[in-house]
PDB file of N, CA and C in Angstrom:
ATOM      1  N   UNK A   1     -42.047-145.378-187.245  1.00  0.00           N
ATOM      2  CA  UNK A   1     -42.353-146.628-187.919  1.00  0.00           C
ATOM      3  C   UNK A   1     -41.090-147.500-187.859  1.00  0.00           C
ATOM      4  N   UNK A   2     -41.230-148.666-187.338  1.00  0.00           N
ATOM      5  CA  UNK A   2     -40.058-149.538-187.231  1.00  0.00           C
ATOM      6  C   UNK A   2     -39.795-150.261-188.556  1.00  0.00           C
ATOM      7  N   UNK A   3     -38.696-150.930-188.636  1.00  0.00           N
ATOM      8  CA  UNK A   3     -38.250-151.549-189.885  1.00  0.00           C
ATOM      9  C   UNK A   3     -39.161-152.692-190.322  1.00  0.00           C
ATOM     10  N   UNK A   4     -39.719-153.433-189.390  1.00  0.00           N
ATOM     11  CA  UNK A   4     -40.581-154.562-189.740  1.00  0.00           C
ATOM     12  C   UNK A   4     -41.876-154.084-190.387  1.00  0.00           C
ATOM     13  N   UNK A   5     -42.474-153.066-189.786  1.00  0.00           N
ATOM     14  CA  UNK A   5     -43.709-152.519-190.341  1.00  0.00           C
ATOM     15  C   UNK A   5     -43.458-151.870-191.701  1.00  0.00           C
ATOM     16  N   UNK A   6     -42.313-151.198-191.814  1.00  0.00           N
ATOM     17  CA  UNK A   6     -41.953-150.568-193.086  1.00  0.00           C
ATOM     18  C   UNK A   6     -41.765-151.622-194.180  1.00  0.00           C
ATOM     19  N   UNK A   7     -41.097-152.709-193.869  1.00  0.00           N
ATOM     20  CA  UNK A   7     -40.870-153.775-194.844  1.00  0.00           C
ATOM     21  C   UNK A   7     -42.180-154.461-195.217  1.00  0.00           C
ATOM     22  N   UNK A   8     -43.059-154.657-194.239  1.00  0.00           N
ATOM     23  CA  UNK A   8     -44.346-155.292-194.525  1.00  0.00           C
ATOM     24  C   UNK A   8     -45.211-154.399-195.416  1.00  0.00           C
ATOM     25  N   UNK A   9     -45.203-153.105-195.143  1.00  0.00           N
ATOM     26  CA  UNK A   9     -45.977-152.166-195.962  1.00  0.00           C
ATOM     27  C   UNK A   9     -45.428-152.113-197.382  1.00  0.00           C
ATOM     28  N   UNK A  10     -44.122-152.047-197.490  1.00  0.00           N
ATOM     29  CA  UNK A  10     -43.491-152.004-198.811  1.00  0.00           C
ATOM     30  C   UNK A  10     -43.734-153.302-199.579  1.00  0.00           C
ATOM     31  N   UNK A  11     -43.652-154.428-198.906  1.00  0.00           N
ATOM     32  CA  UNK A  11     -43.902-155.720-199.552  1.00  0.00           C
ATOM     33  C   UNK A  11     -45.343-155.858-200.003  1.00  0.00           C
ATOM     34  N   UNK A  12     -46.271-155.397-199.169  1.00  0.00           N
ATOM     35  CA  UNK A  12     -47.691-155.452-199.541  1.00  0.00           C
ATOM     36  C   UNK A  12     -47.964-154.575-200.754  1.00  0.00           C
ATOM     37  N   UNK A  13     -47.387-153.378-200.763  1.00  0.00           N
ATOM     38  CA  UNK A  13     -47.569-152.480-201.904  1.00  0.00           C
ATOM     39  C   UNK A  13     -46.983-153.090-203.176  1.00  0.00           C
ATOM     40  N   UNK A  14     -45.856-153.761-203.034  1.00  0.00           N
ATOM     41  CA  UNK A  14     -45.230-154.398-204.193  1.00  0.00           C
ATOM     42  C   UNK A  14     -46.100-155.532-204.738  1.00  0.00           C
ATOM     43  N   UNK A  15     -46.636-156.361-203.861  1.00  0.00           N
ATOM     44  CA  UNK A  15     -47.477-157.486-204.287  1.00  0.00           C
ATOM     45  C   UNK A  15     -48.765-156.982-204.930  1.00  0.00           C
ATOM     46  N   UNK A  16     -49.393-155.978-204.331  1.00  0.00           N
ATOM     47  CA  UNK A  16     -50.632-155.427-204.892  1.00  0.00           C
ATOM     48  C   UNK A  16     -50.356-154.774-206.244  1.00  0.00           C
ATOM     49  N   UNK A  17     -49.250-154.066-206.353  1.00  0.00           N
ATOM     50  CA  UNK A  17     -48.884-153.437-207.625  1.00  0.00           C
ATOM     51  C   UNK A  17     -48.621-154.455-208.719  1.00  0.00           C
ATOM     52  N   UNK A  18     -47.919-155.526-208.384  1.00  0.00           N
ATOM     53  CA  UNK A  18     -47.652-156.574-209.373  1.00  0.00           C
ATOM     54  C   UNK A  18     -48.934-157.289-209.792  1.00  0.00           C
ATOM     55  N   UNK A  19     -49.835-157.509-208.845  1.00  0.00           N
ATOM     56  CA  UNK A  19     -51.109-158.155-209.185  1.00  0.00           C
ATOM     57  C   UNK A  19     -51.938-157.260-210.103  1.00  0.00           C
ATOM     58  N   UNK A  20     -51.946-155.962-209.830  1.00  0.00           N
ATOM     59  CA  UNK A  20     -52.687-155.035-210.688  1.00  0.00           C
ATOM     60  C   UNK A  20     -52.066-154.969-212.074  1.00  0.00           C
ATOM     61  N   UNK A  21     -50.754-154.963-212.145  1.00  0.00           N
ATOM     62  CA  UNK A  21     -50.067-154.936-213.435  1.00  0.00           C
ATOM     63  C   UNK A  21     -50.330-156.214-214.227  1.00  0.00           C
ATOM     64  N   UNK A  22     -50.333-157.352-213.557  1.00  0.00           N
ATOM     65  CA  UNK A  22     -50.625-158.618-214.235  1.00  0.00           C
ATOM     66  C   UNK A  22     -52.066-158.645-214.738  1.00  0.00           C
ATOM     67  N   UNK A  23     -52.992-158.157-213.929  1.00  0.00           N
ATOM     68  CA  UNK A  23     -54.392-158.108-214.363  1.00  0.00           C
ATOM     69  C   UNK A  23     -54.590-157.195-215.553  1.00  0.00           C
ATOM     70  N   UNK A  24     -53.937-156.045-215.540  1.00  0.00           N
ATOM     71  CA  UNK A  24     -54.036-155.117-216.669  1.00  0.00           C
ATOM     72  C   UNK A  24     -53.424-155.717-217.928  1.00  0.00           C
ATOM     73  N   UNK A  25     -52.303-156.410-217.781  1.00  0.00           N
ATOM     74  CA  UNK A  25     -51.663-157.048-218.934  1.00  0.00           C
ATOM     75  C   UNK A  25     -52.560-158.127-219.532  1.00  0.00           C
ATOM     76  N   UNK A  26     -53.156-158.941-218.694  1.00  0.00           N
ATOM     77  CA  UNK A  26     -54.055-159.997-219.178  1.00  0.00           C
ATOM     78  C   UNK A  26     -55.261-159.390-219.880  1.00  0.00           C
ATOM     79  N   UNK A  27     -55.824-158.332-219.304  1.00  0.00           N
ATOM     80  CA  UNK A  27     -56.985-157.674-219.910  1.00  0.00           C
ATOM     81  C   UNK A  27     -56.637-157.096-221.280  1.00  0.00           C
ATOM     82  N   UNK A  28     -55.513-156.404-221.371  1.00  0.00           N
ATOM     83  CA  UNK A  28     -55.140-155.786-222.645  1.00  0.00           C
ATOM     84  C   UNK A  28     -54.792-156.828-223.703  1.00  0.00           C
ATOM     85  N   UNK A  29     -54.133-157.908-223.309  1.00  0.00           N
ATOM     86  CA  UNK A  29     -53.830-158.967-224.274  1.00  0.00           C
ATOM     87  C   UNK A  29     -55.100-159.651-224.766  1.00  0.00           C
ATOM     88  N   UNK A  30     -56.037-159.892-223.875  1.00  0.00           N
ATOM     89  CA  UNK A  30     -57.301-160.510-224.268  1.00  0.00           C
ATOM     90  C   UNK A  30     -58.078-159.596-225.199  1.00  0.00           C
ATOM     91  N   UNK A  31     -58.065-158.323-224.905  1.00  0.00           N
ATOM     92  CA  UNK A  31     -58.778-157.358-225.752  1.00  0.00           C
ATOM     93  C   UNK A  31     -58.138-157.266-227.135  1.00  0.00           C
ATOM     94  N   UNK A  32     -56.810-157.292-227.193  1.00  0.00           N
ATOM     95  CA  UNK A  32     -56.120-157.207-228.476  1.00  0.00           C
ATOM     96  C   UNK A  32     -56.374-158.449-229.324  1.00  0.00           C
ATOM     97  N   UNK A  33     -56.389-159.628-228.714  1.00  0.00           N
ATOM     98  CA  UNK A  33     -56.611-160.845-229.494  1.00  0.00           C
ATOM     99  C   UNK A  33     -58.059-160.970-229.940  1.00  0.00           C
ATOM    100  N   UNK A  34     -58.995-160.484-229.139  1.00  0.00           N
ATOM    101  CA  UNK A  34     -60.399-160.587-229.549  1.00  0.00           C
ATOM    102  C   UNK A  34     -60.730-159.572-230.632  1.00  0.00           C
ATOM    103  N   UNK A  35     -60.016-158.469-230.684  1.00  0.00           N
ATOM    104  CA  UNK A  35     -60.271-157.476-231.735  1.00  0.00           C
ATOM    105  C   UNK A  35     -59.760-157.944-233.090  1.00  0.00           C
ATOM    106  N   UNK A  36     -58.662-158.673-233.103  1.00  0.00           N
ATOM    107  CA  UNK A  36     -58.105-159.108-234.379  1.00  0.00           C
ATOM    108  C   UNK A  36     -59.044-160.046-235.126  1.00  0.00           C
ATOM    109  N   UNK A  37     -59.717-160.914-234.406  1.00  0.00           N
ATOM    110  CA  UNK A  37     -60.577-161.890-235.064  1.00  0.00           C
ATOM    111  C   UNK A  37     -61.933-161.308-235.425  1.00  0.00           C
ATOM    112  N   UNK A  38     -62.288-160.182-234.841  1.00  0.00           N
ATOM    113  CA  UNK A  38     -63.623-159.626-235.054  1.00  0.00           C
ATOM    114  C   UNK A  38     -63.618-158.408-235.973  1.00  0.00           C
ATOM    115  N   UNK A  39     -62.633-158.307-236.848  1.00  0.00           N
ATOM    116  CA  UNK A  39     -62.586-157.169-237.755  1.00  0.00           C
ATOM    117  C   UNK A  39     -63.588-157.399-238.876  1.00  0.00           C
ATOM    118  N   UNK A  40     -64.560-156.507-238.966  1.00  0.00           N
ATOM    119  CA  UNK A  40     -65.602-156.625-239.976  1.00  0.00           C
ATOM    120  C   UNK A  40     -65.626-155.331-240.773  1.00  0.00           C
ATOM    121  N   UNK A  41     -65.631-155.449-242.086  1.00  0.00           N
ATOM    122  CA  UNK A  41     -65.703-154.263-242.930  1.00  0.00           C
ATOM    123  C   UNK A  41     -67.130-153.748-242.940  1.00  0.00           C
ATOM    124  N   UNK A  42     -67.308-152.507-242.514  1.00  0.00           N
ATOM    125  CA  UNK A  42     -68.640-151.909-242.474  1.00  0.00           C
ATOM    126  C   UNK A  42     -68.871-151.095-243.729  1.00  0.00           C
ATOM    127  N   UNK A  43     -70.040-151.232-244.276  1.00  0.00           N
ATOM    128  CA  UNK A  43     -70.450-150.416-245.404  1.00  0.00           C
ATOM    129  C   UNK A  43     -71.731-149.695-244.999  1.00  0.00           C
ATOM    130  N   UNK A  44     -71.630-148.429-244.587  1.00  0.00           N
ATOM    131  CA  UNK A  44     -72.821-147.746-244.095  1.00  0.00           C
ATOM    132  C   UNK A  44     -73.892-147.565-245.163  1.00  0.00           C
ATOM    133  N   UNK A  45     -73.493-147.447-246.412  1.00  0.00           N
ATOM    134  CA  UNK A  45     -74.488-147.282-247.477  1.00  0.00           C
ATOM    135  C   UNK A  45     -75.290-148.561-247.689  1.00  0.00           C
ATOM    136  N   UNK A  46     -74.619-149.705-247.600  1.00  0.00           N
ATOM    137  CA  UNK A  46     -75.332-150.976-247.723  1.00  0.00           C
ATOM    138  C   UNK A  46     -76.254-151.189-246.530  1.00  0.00           C
ATOM    139  N   UNK A  47     -75.818-150.783-245.351  1.00  0.00           N
ATOM    140  CA  UNK A  47     -76.677-150.909-244.174  1.00  0.00           C
ATOM    141  C   UNK A  47     -77.900-150.014-244.295  1.00  0.00           C
ATOM    142  N   UNK A  48     -77.710-148.797-244.805  1.00  0.00           N
ATOM    143  CA  UNK A  48     -78.838-147.874-244.954  1.00  0.00           C
ATOM    144  C   UNK A  48     -79.823-148.369-246.003  1.00  0.00           C
ATOM    145  N   UNK A  49     -79.327-148.908-247.096  1.00  0.00           N
ATOM    146  CA  UNK A  49     -80.248-149.406-248.121  1.00  0.00           C
ATOM    147  C   UNK A  49     -80.986-150.657-247.639  1.00  0.00           C
ATOM    148  N   UNK A  50     -80.329-151.484-246.850  1.00  0.00           N
ATOM    149  CA  UNK A  50     -81.008-152.656-246.291  1.00  0.00           C
ATOM    150  C   UNK A  50     -82.084-152.229-245.301  1.00  0.00           C
ATOM    151  N   UNK A  51     -81.810-151.195-244.522  1.00  0.00           N
ATOM    152  CA  UNK A  51     -82.804-150.687-243.587  1.00  0.00           C
ATOM    153  C   UNK A  51     -83.979-150.069-244.331  1.00  0.00           C
ATOM    154  N   UNK A  52     -83.703-149.351-245.409  1.00  0.00           N
ATOM    155  CA  UNK A  52     -84.784-148.750-246.197  1.00  0.00           C
ATOM    156  C   UNK A  52     -85.629-149.821-246.874  1.00  0.00           C
ATOM    157  N   UNK A  53     -85.025-150.928-247.251  1.00  0.00           N
ATOM    158  CA  UNK A  53     -85.782-152.002-247.890  1.00  0.00           C
ATOM    159  C   UNK A  53     -86.680-152.715-246.891  1.00  0.00           C
ATOM    160  N   UNK A  54     -86.322-152.688-245.615  1.00  0.00           N
ATOM    161  CA  UNK A  54     -87.131-153.355-244.598  1.00  0.00           C
ATOM    162  C   UNK A  54     -88.351-152.540-244.205  1.00  0.00           C
ATOM    163  N   UNK A  55     -88.318-151.237-244.425  1.00  0.00           N
ATOM    164  CA  UNK A  55     -89.437-150.389-244.014  1.00  0.00           C
ATOM    165  C   UNK A  55     -90.636-150.631-244.911  1.00  0.00           C
ATOM    166  N   UNK A  56     -91.796-150.664-244.301  1.00  0.00           N
ATOM    167  CA  UNK A  56     -93.017-150.896-245.053  1.00  0.00           C
ATOM    168  C   UNK A  56     -93.735-149.579-245.287  1.00  0.00           C
ATOM    169  N   UNK A  57     -94.480-149.478-246.346  1.00  0.00           N
ATOM    170  CA  UNK A  57     -95.265-148.260-246.559  1.00  0.00           C
ATOM    171  C   UNK A  57     -96.388-148.190-245.529  1.00  0.00           C
ATOM    172  N   UNK A  58     -96.886-146.991-245.224  1.00  0.00           N
ATOM    173  CA  UNK A  58     -97.977-146.889-244.254  1.00  0.00           C
ATOM    174  C   UNK A  58     -99.227-147.603-244.742  1.00  0.00           C
ATOM    175  N   UNK A  59    -100.014-148.077-243.806  1.00  0.00           N
ATOM    176  CA  UNK A  59    -101.186-148.885-244.138  1.00  0.00           C
ATOM    177  C   UNK A  59    -102.350-148.048-244.649  1.00  0.00           C
ATOM    178  N   UNK A  60    -102.286-146.760-244.527  1.00  0.00           N
ATOM    179  CA  UNK A  60    -103.385-145.902-244.977  1.00  0.00           C
ATOM    180  C   UNK A  60    -104.076-145.262-243.798  1.00  0.00           C
ATOM    181  N   UNK A  61    -105.299-144.807-244.015  1.00  0.00           N
ATOM    182  CA  UNK A  61    -106.039-144.170-242.920  1.00  0.00           C
ATOM    183  C   UNK A  61    -106.375-145.203-241.862  1.00  0.00           C
ATOM    184  N   UNK A  62    -106.146-144.812-240.639  1.00  0.00           N
ATOM    185  CA  UNK A  62    -106.516-145.711-239.555  1.00  0.00           C
ATOM    186  C   UNK A  62    -107.959-145.435-239.172  1.00  0.00           C
ATOM    187  N   UNK A  63    -108.640-146.436-238.732  1.00  0.00           N
ATOM    188  CA  UNK A  63    -110.053-146.287-238.389  1.00  0.00           C
ATOM    189  C   UNK A  63    -110.182-145.631-237.026  1.00  0.00           C
ATOM    190  N   UNK A  64    -110.674-144.422-237.004  1.00  0.00           N
ATOM    191  CA  UNK A  64    -110.939-143.742-235.748  1.00  0.00           C
ATOM    192  C   UNK A  64    -109.769-142.979-235.172  1.00  0.00           C
ATOM    193  N   UNK A  65    -108.583-143.144-235.667  1.00  0.00           N
ATOM    194  CA  UNK A  65    -107.444-142.431-235.119  1.00  0.00           C
ATOM    195  C   UNK A  65    -106.951-141.365-236.072  1.00  0.00           C
ATOM    196  N   UNK A  66    -105.884-140.744-235.721  1.00  0.00           N
ATOM    197  CA  UNK A  66    -105.284-139.780-236.625  1.00  0.00           C
ATOM    198  C   UNK A  66    -105.701-138.361-236.329  1.00  0.00           C
ATOM    199  N   UNK A  67    -106.127-137.625-237.345  1.00  0.00           N
ATOM    200  CA  UNK A  67    -106.437-136.207-237.219  1.00  0.00           C
ATOM    201  C   UNK A  67    -107.943-136.018-237.158  1.00  0.00           C
ATOM    202  N   UNK A  68    -108.519-135.758-235.991  1.00  0.00           N
ATOM    203  CA  UNK A  68    -109.977-135.648-235.881  1.00  0.00           C
ATOM    204  C   UNK A  68    -110.522-134.375-236.519  1.00  0.00           C
ATOM    205  N   UNK A  69    -109.715-133.362-236.714  1.00  0.00           N
ATOM    206  CA  UNK A  69    -110.203-132.116-237.301  1.00  0.00           C
ATOM    207  C   UNK A  69    -110.305-132.190-238.812  1.00  0.00           C
ATOM    208  N   UNK A  70    -109.711-133.185-239.410  1.00  0.00           N
ATOM    209  CA  UNK A  70    -109.735-133.304-240.858  1.00  0.00           C
ATOM    210  C   UNK A  70    -110.711-134.410-241.245  1.00  0.00           C
ATOM    211  N   UNK A  71    -111.899-134.028-241.675  1.00  0.00           N
ATOM    212  CA  UNK A  71    -112.920-135.013-242.072  1.00  0.00           C
ATOM    213  C   UNK A  71    -112.980-135.085-243.589  1.00  0.00           C
ATOM    214  N   UNK A  72    -113.092-136.285-244.103  1.00  0.00           N
ATOM    215  CA  UNK A  72    -113.165-136.446-245.559  1.00  0.00           C
ATOM    216  C   UNK A  72    -114.485-137.008-245.958  1.00  0.00           C
TER     217      UNK A  72
END
């Protein structure tokens, strides 16, 4: 491998490495800034009670469906 090809390969690797490092830095900074503004306090008990309040009671016997072996 001659010196010109070696320098070109090394320069290309350096440029690609710097571009990847810059992209990773931008991604991590963007992720860190978006997380700070989106901090929400979760209350799982309040979420569960809200979900339970949304559930409706069953409508009763369905006409023609359900358990055919149980006749009333």
